Amino acid sequence: MKKYLLSFALVLMSLTSFAQSDYEKIMSEKIAKIETCKTAEDFQTLANDFQRIGSKESSQWLPAYYAAFSYIQKGRVMMRDGKMQDLDGVASQAEKHLSMAQNLAGADNAEIRLLKKMAYSLRMMVNPQQRYMTDGMRANEELNIAQKLDPANPRIALIKAEDIYFTPEQFGGSKTKGLEMFKEAITKFNVYKPKTTFDPNWGRGEAEYFLNLPTEPSK
């Protein structure tokens, strides 16, 4: 009987180990694809992939996080293409997955809070003048919470830099200030270490992109 129980335990451990390695393999593959996605359709496909992973690994928060991130990136591509009226639907999908991620990871997760900020920002861009006092303020609140939870996080510094870079000077922003903040973000990227292999590690390339843009000639 003891021999049977031992054999059963070894088989169970083997199956668990296999399932875990399979999860790690597929997560590695899909996370690597984040850097290669270019179109809204690419990010939609990736969001679907992470959603399928999350349905199988229901105790893991990262698949839901990356599904939300993929939707947000899809929205940012659409925003650049001028498709502002479609951003509410994309933000809703991101928020659905962020709610799932937060239920698993807890409310004190700076990475999730930062994505919630980005989702509210997408909503605001549908009509910035009308929505700043609602979605815009919610975005700022989530950003402040993320900052308090993890002040050394380079992605928080990156998104703050973007906000300043694209905000007109009459409202407190400027490209010069934004570029200085992108430099600060790079400094943080140089020393920040993700907690695990699959924890969020995106953003450095975006900061470098802005810093490598041609400098506007002085007037």
Protein backbone atom coordinates (compact mmCIF):
# COMPACT_ATOMS: atom_id res chain seq x y z
CA MET A 1 0.00 0.00 0.00
CA LYS A 2 2.81 2.39 0.91
CA LYS A 3 4.53 1.55 -2.37
CA TYR A 4 1.31 2.34 -4.26
CA LEU A 5 0.88 5.66 -2.47
CA LEU A 6 4.50 6.59 -3.15
CA SER A 7 4.11 5.78 -6.84
CA PHE A 8 0.91 7.80 -7.02
CA ALA A 9 2.61 10.77 -5.33
CA LEU A 10 5.54 10.61 -7.75
CA VAL A 11 3.19 10.54 -10.75
CA LEU A 12 1.25 13.49 -9.36
CA MET A 13 4.46 15.45 -8.79
CA SER A 14 5.60 14.63 -12.32
CA LEU A 15 2.31 15.83 -13.83
CA THR A 16 2.42 19.03 -11.77
CA SER A 17 6.00 19.68 -12.83
CA PHE A 18 5.09 19.07 -16.48
CA ALA A 19 2.11 21.43 -16.27
CA GLN A 20 4.26 24.10 -14.66
CA SER A 21 7.00 23.80 -17.28
CA ASP A 22 4.36 23.93 -20.01
CA TYR A 23 2.94 27.13 -18.48
CA GLU A 24 6.39 28.67 -18.25
CA LYS A 25 7.19 27.79 -21.86
CA ILE A 26 4.01 29.29 -23.32
CA MET A 27 4.28 32.40 -21.13
CA SER A 28 7.85 32.97 -22.26
CA GLU A 29 6.81 32.69 -25.90
CA LYS A 30 3.85 35.05 -25.60
CA ILE A 31 5.65 37.67 -23.49
CA ALA A 32 8.44 37.74 -26.09
CA LYS A 33 5.83 38.54 -28.76
CA ILE A 34 4.92 41.81 -27.03
CA GLU A 35 7.97 43.47 -28.57
CA THR A 36 7.12 42.30 -32.09
CA CYS A 37 3.45 43.36 -32.20
CA LYS A 38 2.85 46.38 -34.41
CA THR A 39 -0.85 46.54 -35.28
CA ALA A 40 -4.09 46.57 -33.32
CA GLU A 41 -4.82 43.13 -34.76
CA ASP A 42 -1.47 41.81 -33.50
CA PHE A 43 -2.25 42.95 -29.97
CA GLN A 44 -5.79 41.54 -30.16
CA THR A 45 -4.39 38.14 -31.09
CA LEU A 46 -1.94 38.33 -28.20
CA ALA A 47 -4.70 39.34 -25.79
CA ASN A 48 -6.69 36.29 -26.89
CA ASP A 49 -3.65 34.07 -26.31
CA PHE A 50 -3.12 35.35 -22.77
CA GLN A 51 -6.82 34.99 -22.06
CA ARG A 52 -6.65 31.31 -23.04
CA ILE A 53 -3.62 30.81 -20.81
CA GLY A 54 -5.44 32.48 -17.92
CA SER A 55 -8.48 30.24 -18.34
CA LYS A 56 -6.23 27.22 -17.79
CA GLU A 57 -4.03 28.77 -15.09
CA SER A 58 -6.79 30.35 -13.04
CA SER A 59 -4.61 30.90 -9.96
CA GLN A 60 -2.01 32.97 -11.85
CA TRP A 61 -2.44 36.76 -12.11
CA LEU A 62 0.09 37.41 -14.86
CA PRO A 63 -1.91 36.00 -17.83
CA ALA A 64 -4.79 38.36 -16.98
CA TYR A 65 -2.30 41.21 -16.53
CA TYR A 66 -0.76 40.62 -19.96
CA ALA A 67 -4.17 40.24 -21.58
CA ALA A 68 -5.04 43.68 -20.19
CA PHE A 69 -1.68 45.10 -21.28
CA SER A 70 -2.26 43.77 -24.81
CA TYR A 71 -5.64 45.49 -24.96
CA ILE A 72 -4.11 48.74 -23.73
CA GLN A 73 -1.39 48.55 -26.36
CA LYS A 74 -4.08 47.86 -28.95
CA GLY A 75 -5.84 51.02 -27.78
CA ARG A 76 -2.66 53.07 -27.99
CA VAL A 77 -2.16 51.95 -31.60
CA MET A 78 -5.78 52.87 -32.37
CA MET A 79 -5.27 56.24 -30.70
CA ARG A 80 -2.30 56.97 -32.94
CA ASP A 81 -4.49 56.01 -35.92
CA GLY A 82 -7.15 58.49 -34.80
CA LYS A 83 -9.76 55.83 -33.88
CA MET A 84 -10.75 57.59 -30.66
CA GLN A 85 -14.41 56.54 -30.63
CA ASP A 86 -13.45 52.87 -30.32
CA LEU A 87 -11.29 53.30 -27.22
CA ASP A 88 -14.08 52.81 -24.67
CA GLY A 89 -14.62 49.22 -25.76
CA VAL A 90 -10.91 48.45 -25.64
CA ALA A 91 -10.57 50.03 -22.20
CA SER A 92 -13.51 47.96 -20.95
CA GLN A 93 -11.80 44.75 -22.05
CA ALA A 94 -8.56 45.81 -20.35
CA GLU A 95 -10.41 46.68 -17.14
CA LYS A 96 -12.15 43.30 -17.11
CA HIS A 97 -8.82 41.49 -17.14
CA LEU A 98 -7.28 43.90 -14.64
CA SER A 99 -10.11 43.15 -12.23
CA MET A 100 -9.29 39.44 -12.55
CA ALA A 101 -5.58 40.10 -12.05
CA GLN A 102 -6.21 42.26 -9.01
CA ASN A 103 -8.46 39.64 -7.44
CA LEU A 104 -5.55 37.20 -7.64
CA ALA A 105 -2.61 39.51 -6.86
CA GLY A 106 -4.25 41.90 -4.39
CA ALA A 107 -4.87 45.63 -4.45
CA ASP A 108 -1.30 46.55 -3.53
CA ASN A 109 0.19 45.72 -6.91
CA ALA A 110 1.81 48.72 -8.58
CA GLU A 111 1.97 47.10 -12.02
CA ILE A 112 -1.79 46.50 -12.07
CA ARG A 113 -2.47 50.01 -10.75
CA LEU A 114 -0.35 51.47 -13.54
CA LEU A 115 -2.34 49.60 -16.20
CA LYS A 116 -5.57 50.82 -14.61
CA LYS A 117 -4.18 54.33 -15.01
CA MET A 118 -3.46 53.64 -18.68
CA ALA A 119 -6.95 52.23 -19.25
CA TYR A 120 -8.56 55.35 -17.76
CA SER A 121 -6.30 57.47 -19.97
CA LEU A 122 -7.61 55.64 -23.04
CA ARG A 123 -11.16 56.47 -21.99
CA MET A 124 -10.25 60.10 -21.43
CA MET A 125 -8.86 60.41 -24.96
CA VAL A 126 -12.32 59.76 -26.44
CA ASN A 127 -13.16 63.32 -25.36
CA PRO A 128 -10.40 64.91 -23.24
CA GLN A 129 -12.25 68.14 -22.45
CA GLN A 130 -15.36 66.39 -21.18
CA ARG A 131 -13.64 63.47 -19.49
CA TYR A 132 -10.62 64.98 -17.77
CA MET A 133 -12.50 65.56 -14.53
CA THR A 134 -13.74 61.95 -14.50
CA ASP A 135 -11.48 59.48 -16.30
CA GLY A 136 -8.52 61.84 -16.21
CA MET A 137 -8.74 62.24 -12.44
CA ARG A 138 -9.17 58.49 -11.96
CA ALA A 139 -6.06 57.94 -14.08
CA ASN A 140 -4.09 60.35 -11.91
CA GLU A 141 -5.34 58.64 -8.76
CA GLU A 142 -4.22 55.21 -9.97
CA LEU A 143 -0.84 56.62 -11.00
CA ASN A 144 -0.34 58.16 -7.56
CA ILE A 145 -1.22 54.86 -5.87
CA ALA A 146 1.25 53.01 -8.11
CA GLN A 147 3.93 55.57 -7.31
CA LYS A 148 3.44 55.13 -3.56
CA LEU A 149 3.48 51.34 -3.84
CA ASP A 150 6.65 51.13 -5.95
CA PRO A 151 8.47 54.48 -6.35
CA ALA A 152 11.48 52.84 -8.02
CA ASN A 153 9.39 51.28 -10.79
CA PRO A 154 10.69 52.48 -14.19
CA ARG A 155 7.37 51.94 -15.96
CA ILE A 156 5.73 54.45 -13.65
CA ALA A 157 8.49 56.93 -14.50
CA LEU A 158 7.99 56.18 -18.20
CA ILE A 159 4.25 56.86 -18.19
CA LYS A 160 4.72 60.05 -16.16
CA ALA A 161 7.29 61.17 -18.74
CA GLU A 162 4.87 60.48 -21.59
CA ASP A 163 2.16 62.49 -19.87
CA ILE A 164 4.44 65.50 -19.48
CA TYR A 165 5.86 65.13 -22.99
CA PHE A 166 2.42 65.25 -24.64
CA THR A 167 0.86 67.85 -22.33
CA PRO A 168 0.91 71.41 -23.76
CA GLU A 169 3.09 73.92 -21.93
CA GLN A 170 0.09 76.02 -20.88
CA PHE A 171 -1.10 73.01 -18.87
CA GLY A 172 2.25 72.28 -17.22
CA GLY A 173 3.88 69.98 -19.73
CA SER A 174 6.68 70.31 -22.24
CA LYS A 175 8.81 68.14 -24.47
CA THR A 176 11.95 69.32 -22.70
CA LYS A 177 10.63 68.27 -19.29
CA GLY A 178 9.39 65.03 -20.75
CA LEU A 179 12.78 64.16 -22.21
CA GLU A 180 14.46 64.76 -18.85
CA MET A 181 11.94 62.42 -17.27
CA PHE A 182 12.60 59.78 -19.94
CA LYS A 183 16.26 59.93 -18.91
CA GLU A 184 15.22 59.36 -15.30
CA ALA A 185 13.16 56.38 -16.43
CA ILE A 186 16.20 54.87 -18.19
CA THR A 187 18.22 55.30 -15.00
CA LYS A 188 15.56 53.34 -13.14
CA PHE A 189 15.45 50.66 -15.84
CA ASN A 190 19.20 50.19 -15.39
CA VAL A 191 18.82 49.07 -11.78
CA TYR A 192 15.27 47.71 -11.48
CA LYS A 193 14.93 43.93 -11.28
CA PRO A 194 11.59 42.16 -11.92
CA LYS A 195 10.55 39.87 -9.07
CA THR A 196 10.23 36.84 -11.37
CA THR A 197 11.05 35.90 -14.95
CA PHE A 198 7.49 36.67 -16.04
CA ASP A 199 6.89 39.84 -14.05
CA PRO A 200 6.43 43.02 -16.15
CA ASN A 201 9.65 44.20 -17.76
CA TRP A 202 8.36 46.31 -20.67
CA GLY A 203 8.98 49.99 -21.40
CA ARG A 204 12.71 50.54 -21.80
CA GLY A 205 12.52 50.54 -25.60
CA GLU A 206 9.78 53.16 -25.51
CA ALA A 207 11.85 55.49 -23.33
CA GLU A 208 14.83 55.03 -25.65
CA TYR A 209 12.61 55.78 -28.66
CA PHE A 210 11.68 59.21 -27.32
CA LEU A 211 15.25 60.01 -26.35
CA ASN A 212 16.45 59.11 -29.86
CA LEU A 213 13.97 61.37 -31.64
CA PRO A 214 15.58 64.20 -33.62
CA THR A 215 15.92 67.35 -31.55
CA GLU A 216 13.78 70.21 -32.83
CA PRO A 217 15.91 73.15 -34.02
CA SER A 218 15.91 76.07 -31.63
CA LYS A 219 14.04 79.17 -32.80
